[in-house]
Amino acid sequence: MLERITDRAITRSTKDSMGYEPTYSGVTSFLRRRYTKDLTGVDVAVSGIALDTATTNRPGARFGPRGIRAASTNMAWFGGPGHWHMDPFETLSVIDYGDCFFDPGKPHEIVGAIEAHADEILAAGATLLTLGGDHFIAYPLLRAYKKKYGPLSLIHFDAHSDTWREDEKRIDHGTMFFHAAQEKLVDPEHSVQIGLRTHNDETHGFNILDANWVHEHGPQAVAERVKQIVGNRKAYLSFDIDCLDPAYAPGTGTPVCGGLTTWQAQRTMNGLVDIDFVGMDLVEVAPAYDVGEITALAGASLCLDYLCILATRRKKK
């Protein structure tokens, strides 16, 4: 008989395995993790950044954190995801820290607000799993991470390079990795972009495994190549949901045909357990364009895969 527990997001401890409650009711924290600002003993703080003013096509990613959280309740079941054969929350202390606050009427303050939000979490000894929001949020997050870890290897899943050169620093979700490379927040030589299918004449030194390469070689080869590029360096994972083909992720602002399947992305993630990740963002989920929550569900699933990577590494130590 099922245990009668509801609203586990406000009743559970910070380190507690998955457990059943109705998927269609209750507080929709990410995977029913506890909502709290207490970072004591926390390994991973899940946090949303509801920004979409940097989009160049369809807005709506500000609703991404809410959509991903809602979809994730369908996955908070006993035992964890079947393809990992583990419950990551038996190993990791994970909370839902809520969302980053900023005033959208003061765009000049947004970068600093996001950076300070990340600083606070990192200073407490936790790492971040960030739910976007548009992809620009990766830039202030990387600024915070640079202060703690130095330049990182970037593992970037996307349909677009997001490295367009510009003379001034704009709030734009297509240019932030150009600035990240210029400011040495990331090390392009030991970074990799996966799934690209739009053209940019300049690579800025990033290694690129475009969508055709992924389709022709398969997820295992992608994972092996990523491990060769990154080695034992600390890495940051940035996953734009439009890396997936629109058939699997229609709910996004700038969809591009010919992308990865959800299985290809998850299988690649499954092969990255040897990477020393220090943080992740999952961005560009725009629920207004979604169909049956499949984009939000894909995003939530990839975030859970990331937590399983962290838990697997922890168990190996």
Protein backbone atom coordinates (compact mmCIF):
# COMPACT_ATOMS: atom_id res chain seq x y z
CA MET A 1 0.00 0.00 0.00
CA LEU A 2 1.30 3.47 -0.90
CA GLU A 3 2.49 5.67 1.92
CA ARG A 4 0.22 8.70 2.32
CA ILE A 5 2.67 11.53 1.80
CA THR A 6 1.84 14.76 -0.01
CA ASP A 7 3.71 17.97 -0.72
CA ARG A 8 7.08 16.34 -0.19
CA ALA A 9 8.63 19.55 -1.52
CA ILE A 10 7.94 21.12 1.88
CA THR A 11 7.91 18.09 4.20
CA ARG A 12 10.92 15.99 3.20
CA SER A 13 14.48 16.21 4.42
CA THR A 14 17.17 17.59 2.11
CA LYS A 15 18.61 14.11 1.55
CA ASP A 16 15.78 11.75 0.84
CA SER A 17 15.20 9.14 -1.85
CA MET A 18 12.47 9.37 -4.44
CA GLY A 19 8.97 8.43 -3.38
CA TYR A 20 5.49 8.46 -4.78
CA GLU A 21 2.91 11.18 -4.61
CA PRO A 22 0.34 12.09 -7.26
CA THR A 23 2.04 13.65 -10.26
CA TYR A 24 -0.83 16.02 -10.95
CA SER A 25 -1.08 17.77 -7.58
CA GLY A 26 1.01 19.27 -4.81
CA VAL A 27 3.92 21.69 -4.77
CA THR A 28 5.85 21.41 -8.05
CA SER A 29 9.44 21.68 -6.94
CA PHE A 30 12.01 20.09 -9.22
CA LEU A 31 11.58 16.31 -8.83
CA ARG A 32 9.74 16.99 -5.54
CA ARG A 33 12.97 18.12 -3.90
CA ARG A 34 12.59 20.24 -0.81
CA TYR A 35 12.03 23.98 -1.39
CA THR A 36 14.49 25.74 0.89
CA LYS A 37 17.10 28.50 1.05
CA ASP A 38 19.12 26.54 3.60
CA LEU A 39 22.31 25.38 1.86
CA THR A 40 23.73 23.50 4.85
CA GLY A 41 25.13 20.18 3.67
CA VAL A 42 23.65 20.61 0.19
CA ASP A 43 25.46 19.09 -2.80
CA VAL A 44 23.32 20.53 -5.60
CA ALA A 45 20.97 23.51 -5.57
CA VAL A 46 18.44 23.52 -8.40
CA SER A 47 17.53 27.09 -9.29
CA GLY A 48 15.58 28.84 -12.00
CA ILE A 49 16.51 31.99 -13.91
CA ALA A 50 13.37 33.19 -15.64
CA LEU A 51 14.97 35.48 -18.24
CA ASP A 52 14.02 35.65 -21.91
CA THR A 53 14.79 39.24 -22.89
CA ALA A 54 17.95 38.09 -24.70
CA THR A 55 16.07 36.00 -27.26
CA THR A 56 16.35 36.83 -30.97
CA ASN A 57 13.28 34.93 -32.15
CA ARG A 58 10.33 33.74 -30.05
CA PRO A 59 10.24 34.77 -26.37
CA GLY A 60 8.71 32.61 -23.65
CA ALA A 61 11.67 30.87 -21.99
CA ARG A 62 10.96 32.87 -18.82
CA PHE A 63 8.33 30.20 -18.18
CA GLY A 64 10.89 27.42 -18.66
CA PRO A 65 11.80 26.87 -15.00
CA ARG A 66 8.13 26.51 -14.07
CA GLY A 67 7.46 24.19 -17.01
CA ILE A 68 10.45 21.96 -16.28
CA ARG A 69 9.51 21.68 -12.62
CA ALA A 70 5.93 20.73 -13.49
CA ALA A 71 7.06 18.10 -16.00
CA SER A 72 9.57 16.69 -13.53
CA THR A 73 6.83 15.58 -11.15
CA ASN A 74 6.09 12.80 -13.64
CA MET A 75 9.58 11.40 -12.97
CA ALA A 76 9.80 11.53 -9.17
CA TRP A 77 9.11 7.83 -8.66
CA PHE A 78 10.65 5.13 -6.51
CA GLY A 79 14.01 3.86 -7.69
CA GLY A 80 15.08 6.56 -10.10
CA PRO A 81 15.44 6.42 -13.90
CA GLY A 82 15.56 2.91 -15.32
CA HIS A 83 18.52 3.42 -17.65
CA TRP A 84 20.71 4.47 -14.70
CA HIS A 85 19.50 1.74 -12.31
CA MET A 86 19.91 4.10 -9.37
CA ASP A 87 18.22 6.77 -7.28
CA PRO A 88 20.64 9.74 -7.24
CA PHE A 89 19.02 11.18 -4.14
CA GLU A 90 20.25 8.29 -2.05
CA THR A 91 23.75 9.68 -2.70
CA LEU A 92 23.31 13.43 -3.23
CA SER A 93 21.64 16.09 -1.12
CA VAL A 94 19.63 18.12 -3.65
CA ILE A 95 17.27 21.01 -2.97
CA ASP A 96 15.11 23.34 -5.05
CA TYR A 97 16.47 26.78 -4.18
CA GLY A 98 13.76 28.66 -6.06
CA ASP A 99 14.43 31.33 -8.66
CA CYS A 100 16.93 34.15 -9.03
CA PHE A 101 15.37 37.58 -8.56
CA PHE A 102 16.16 40.48 -10.88
CA ASP A 103 14.27 43.56 -12.03
CA PRO A 104 13.51 43.20 -15.77
CA GLY A 105 13.07 46.96 -15.91
CA LYS A 106 16.75 47.41 -15.07
CA PRO A 107 18.52 45.29 -17.69
CA HIS A 108 21.91 46.75 -16.78
CA GLU A 109 21.62 45.03 -13.38
CA ILE A 110 20.66 41.56 -14.61
CA VAL A 111 24.16 40.16 -15.15
CA GLY A 112 25.25 41.23 -11.68
CA ALA A 113 22.09 39.83 -10.07
CA ILE A 114 22.54 36.40 -11.66
CA GLU A 115 26.25 36.34 -10.85
CA ALA A 116 25.61 37.25 -7.20
CA HIS A 117 22.91 34.58 -6.99
CA ALA A 118 25.39 31.96 -8.18
CA ASP A 119 28.16 33.33 -5.95
CA GLU A 120 26.01 32.77 -2.86
CA ILE A 121 25.31 29.14 -3.71
CA LEU A 122 28.88 28.32 -4.72
CA ALA A 123 30.29 29.99 -1.60
CA ALA A 124 28.18 27.64 0.54
CA GLY A 125 29.90 24.63 -1.04
CA ALA A 126 27.02 23.55 -3.28
CA THR A 127 26.95 23.40 -7.07
CA LEU A 128 24.22 24.68 -9.33
CA LEU A 129 21.79 22.96 -11.65
CA THR A 130 20.17 25.94 -13.34
CA LEU A 131 16.86 25.94 -15.21
CA GLY A 132 16.52 28.64 -17.86
CA GLY A 133 15.45 30.99 -19.17
CA ASP A 134 17.22 31.85 -22.38
CA HIS A 135 20.82 30.85 -23.01
CA PHE A 136 22.32 34.21 -22.09
CA ILE A 137 22.12 33.17 -18.43
CA ALA A 138 25.16 30.94 -18.98
CA TYR A 139 27.39 34.02 -19.22
CA PRO A 140 26.89 35.42 -15.69
CA LEU A 141 26.89 31.87 -14.32
CA LEU A 142 30.29 31.23 -15.89
CA ARG A 143 31.58 34.48 -14.43
CA ALA A 144 30.70 33.16 -10.99
CA TYR A 145 32.24 29.77 -11.67
CA LYS A 146 35.46 31.35 -12.97
CA LYS A 147 36.04 32.97 -9.59
CA LYS A 148 35.95 29.59 -7.86
CA TYR A 149 37.46 27.21 -10.42
CA GLY A 150 39.30 29.26 -13.01
CA PRO A 151 38.64 28.74 -16.75
CA LEU A 152 36.43 25.72 -17.36
CA SER A 153 35.96 23.25 -20.16
CA LEU A 154 32.58 23.94 -21.71
CA ILE A 155 30.46 21.04 -22.97
CA HIS A 156 27.79 22.76 -25.01
CA PHE A 157 24.79 21.03 -26.64
CA ASP A 158 23.03 23.35 -29.09
CA ALA A 159 21.74 23.93 -32.61
CA HIS A 160 23.67 27.22 -32.65
CA SER A 161 27.26 28.15 -31.81
CA ASP A 162 26.32 31.20 -29.69
CA THR A 163 29.76 32.58 -30.51
CA TRP A 164 28.84 35.43 -32.88
CA ARG A 165 31.44 38.16 -32.75
CA GLU A 166 30.35 41.65 -31.68
CA ASP A 167 32.24 44.82 -30.80
CA GLU A 168 30.08 45.68 -27.81
CA LYS A 169 28.78 43.45 -25.05
CA ARG A 170 25.05 43.04 -25.61
CA ILE A 171 22.48 41.00 -23.72
CA ASP A 172 22.03 38.41 -26.46
CA HIS A 173 21.68 34.64 -26.35
CA GLY A 174 23.78 34.25 -29.51
CA THR A 175 26.98 35.97 -28.43
CA MET A 176 27.67 35.07 -24.81
CA PHE A 177 30.13 32.23 -25.50
CA PHE A 178 32.16 34.58 -27.71
CA HIS A 179 32.57 36.82 -24.68
CA ALA A 180 33.12 33.83 -22.37
CA ALA A 181 36.05 32.76 -24.55
CA GLN A 182 37.43 36.29 -24.83
CA GLU A 183 37.29 36.73 -21.05
CA LYS A 184 38.83 33.28 -20.48
CA LEU A 185 35.82 32.06 -18.53
CA VAL A 186 36.13 28.91 -20.64
CA ASP A 187 39.04 27.25 -22.44
CA PRO A 188 37.94 26.71 -26.08
CA GLU A 189 40.78 24.28 -26.82
CA HIS A 190 39.41 21.90 -24.23
CA SER A 191 35.73 22.65 -24.87
CA VAL A 192 33.29 21.06 -27.30
CA GLN A 193 30.06 22.10 -29.01
CA ILE A 194 27.68 19.27 -29.90
CA GLY A 195 24.75 19.11 -32.32
CA LEU A 196 25.32 22.39 -34.20
CA ARG A 197 23.47 22.80 -37.49
CA THR A 198 23.72 26.52 -38.21
CA HIS A 199 26.78 28.13 -39.77
CA ASN A 200 29.30 30.47 -38.20
CA ASP A 201 32.55 31.20 -40.08
CA GLU A 202 34.46 31.56 -36.80
CA THR A 203 34.94 28.72 -34.31
CA HIS A 204 37.02 30.81 -31.88
CA GLY A 205 38.97 27.65 -31.12
CA PHE A 206 36.06 25.53 -29.95
CA ASN A 207 35.95 21.87 -30.99
CA ILE A 208 32.73 21.16 -32.90
CA LEU A 209 30.84 17.89 -33.32
CA ASP A 210 27.96 19.06 -35.47
CA ALA A 211 24.63 17.25 -35.84
CA ASN A 212 25.77 15.33 -38.90
CA TRP A 213 28.83 14.06 -36.99
CA VAL A 214 26.60 12.92 -34.14
CA HIS A 215 24.19 11.14 -36.48
CA GLU A 216 26.98 9.46 -38.44
CA HIS A 217 29.11 8.36 -35.48
CA GLY A 218 26.60 7.80 -32.68
CA PRO A 219 26.40 8.74 -28.98
CA GLN A 220 29.19 6.47 -27.78
CA ALA A 221 31.68 8.05 -30.19
CA VAL A 222 30.51 11.51 -29.15
CA ALA A 223 31.08 10.71 -25.48
CA GLU A 224 34.54 9.27 -26.18
CA ARG A 225 35.54 12.32 -28.21
CA VAL A 226 34.30 14.65 -25.46
CA LYS A 227 36.40 12.79 -22.89
CA GLN A 228 39.47 13.12 -25.12
CA ILE A 229 38.94 16.87 -25.48
CA VAL A 230 38.13 17.62 -21.83
CA GLY A 231 40.37 15.10 -20.09
CA ASN A 232 40.47 15.54 -16.32
CA ARG A 233 39.71 19.27 -16.37
CA LYS A 234 36.73 20.70 -14.52
CA ALA A 235 33.82 21.12 -16.88
CA TYR A 236 30.55 23.00 -17.16
CA LEU A 237 27.60 21.54 -19.08
CA SER A 238 25.32 23.92 -20.95
CA PHE A 239 22.37 22.29 -22.72
CA ASP A 240 20.17 24.32 -25.04
CA ILE A 241 17.04 22.25 -25.59
CA ASP A 242 17.02 23.26 -29.27
CA CYS A 243 19.93 20.85 -29.71
CA LEU A 244 17.10 18.33 -29.98
CA ASP A 245 15.20 18.14 -33.25
CA PRO A 246 11.87 20.05 -33.18
CA ALA A 247 10.11 16.68 -33.35
CA TYR A 248 11.40 16.06 -29.81
CA ALA A 249 11.53 19.66 -28.56
CA PRO A 250 9.02 21.93 -30.33
CA GLY A 251 8.72 24.18 -27.27
CA THR A 252 11.69 26.43 -27.85
CA GLY A 253 12.37 29.86 -29.31
CA THR A 254 14.66 29.05 -32.25
CA PRO A 255 14.03 25.48 -33.44
CA VAL A 256 16.21 24.03 -36.21
CA CYS A 257 15.46 20.80 -38.08
CA GLY A 258 17.92 17.90 -38.25
CA GLY A 259 18.79 17.77 -34.57
CA LEU A 260 19.41 15.04 -32.02
CA THR A 261 16.78 12.70 -30.71
CA THR A 262 16.13 12.68 -27.00
CA TRP A 263 17.64 9.18 -26.86
CA GLN A 264 20.85 10.34 -28.56
CA ALA A 265 21.24 13.16 -26.05
CA GLN A 266 20.53 10.94 -23.05
CA ARG A 267 22.79 8.18 -24.31
CA THR A 268 25.60 10.68 -24.80
CA MET A 269 25.05 11.96 -21.26
CA ASN A 270 25.22 8.38 -20.03
CA GLY A 271 28.74 8.18 -21.44
CA LEU A 272 30.02 11.28 -19.63
CA VAL A 273 30.33 9.87 -16.11
CA ASP A 274 34.11 10.32 -16.22
CA ILE A 275 33.83 14.08 -16.71
CA ASP A 276 34.48 16.25 -13.64
CA PHE A 277 31.39 18.46 -13.87
CA VAL A 278 30.99 21.42 -11.55
CA GLY A 279 27.71 22.80 -12.89
CA MET A 280 24.97 22.61 -15.51
CA ASP A 281 22.29 24.75 -17.08
CA LEU A 282 19.31 23.56 -19.17
CA VAL A 283 17.92 26.45 -21.18
CA GLU A 284 15.49 27.68 -23.84
CA VAL A 285 12.44 25.60 -22.86
CA ALA A 286 9.48 27.78 -23.90
CA PRO A 287 6.27 26.04 -22.76
CA ALA A 288 3.94 28.22 -24.86
CA TYR A 289 5.17 26.43 -28.00
CA ASP A 290 5.31 22.97 -26.46
CA VAL A 291 3.15 19.97 -27.36
CA GLY A 292 1.99 17.75 -24.52
CA GLU A 293 4.93 18.97 -22.36
CA ILE A 294 7.40 16.86 -24.37
CA THR A 295 10.02 19.63 -24.45
CA ALA A 296 9.77 20.32 -20.73
CA LEU A 297 9.86 16.58 -20.03
CA ALA A 298 12.99 16.19 -22.17
CA GLY A 299 14.61 19.05 -20.28
CA ALA A 300 13.72 17.60 -16.90
CA SER A 301 14.98 14.17 -17.98
CA LEU A 302 18.35 15.55 -19.08
CA CYS A 303 18.69 17.36 -15.76
CA LEU A 304 17.99 14.09 -13.95
CA ASP A 305 20.64 12.40 -16.13
CA TYR A 306 23.11 15.05 -14.96
CA LEU A 307 22.29 14.33 -11.31
CA CYS A 308 22.85 10.64 -11.99
CA ILE A 309 26.29 11.47 -13.43
CA LEU A 310 27.18 13.32 -10.23
CA ALA A 311 25.84 10.53 -8.04
CA THR A 312 27.71 7.87 -10.01
CA ARG A 313 30.98 9.77 -9.62
CA ARG A 314 30.35 10.23 -5.90
CA LYS A 315 29.74 6.49 -5.43
CA LYS A 316 32.99 5.68 -7.25
CA LYS A 317 35.07 7.77 -4.84
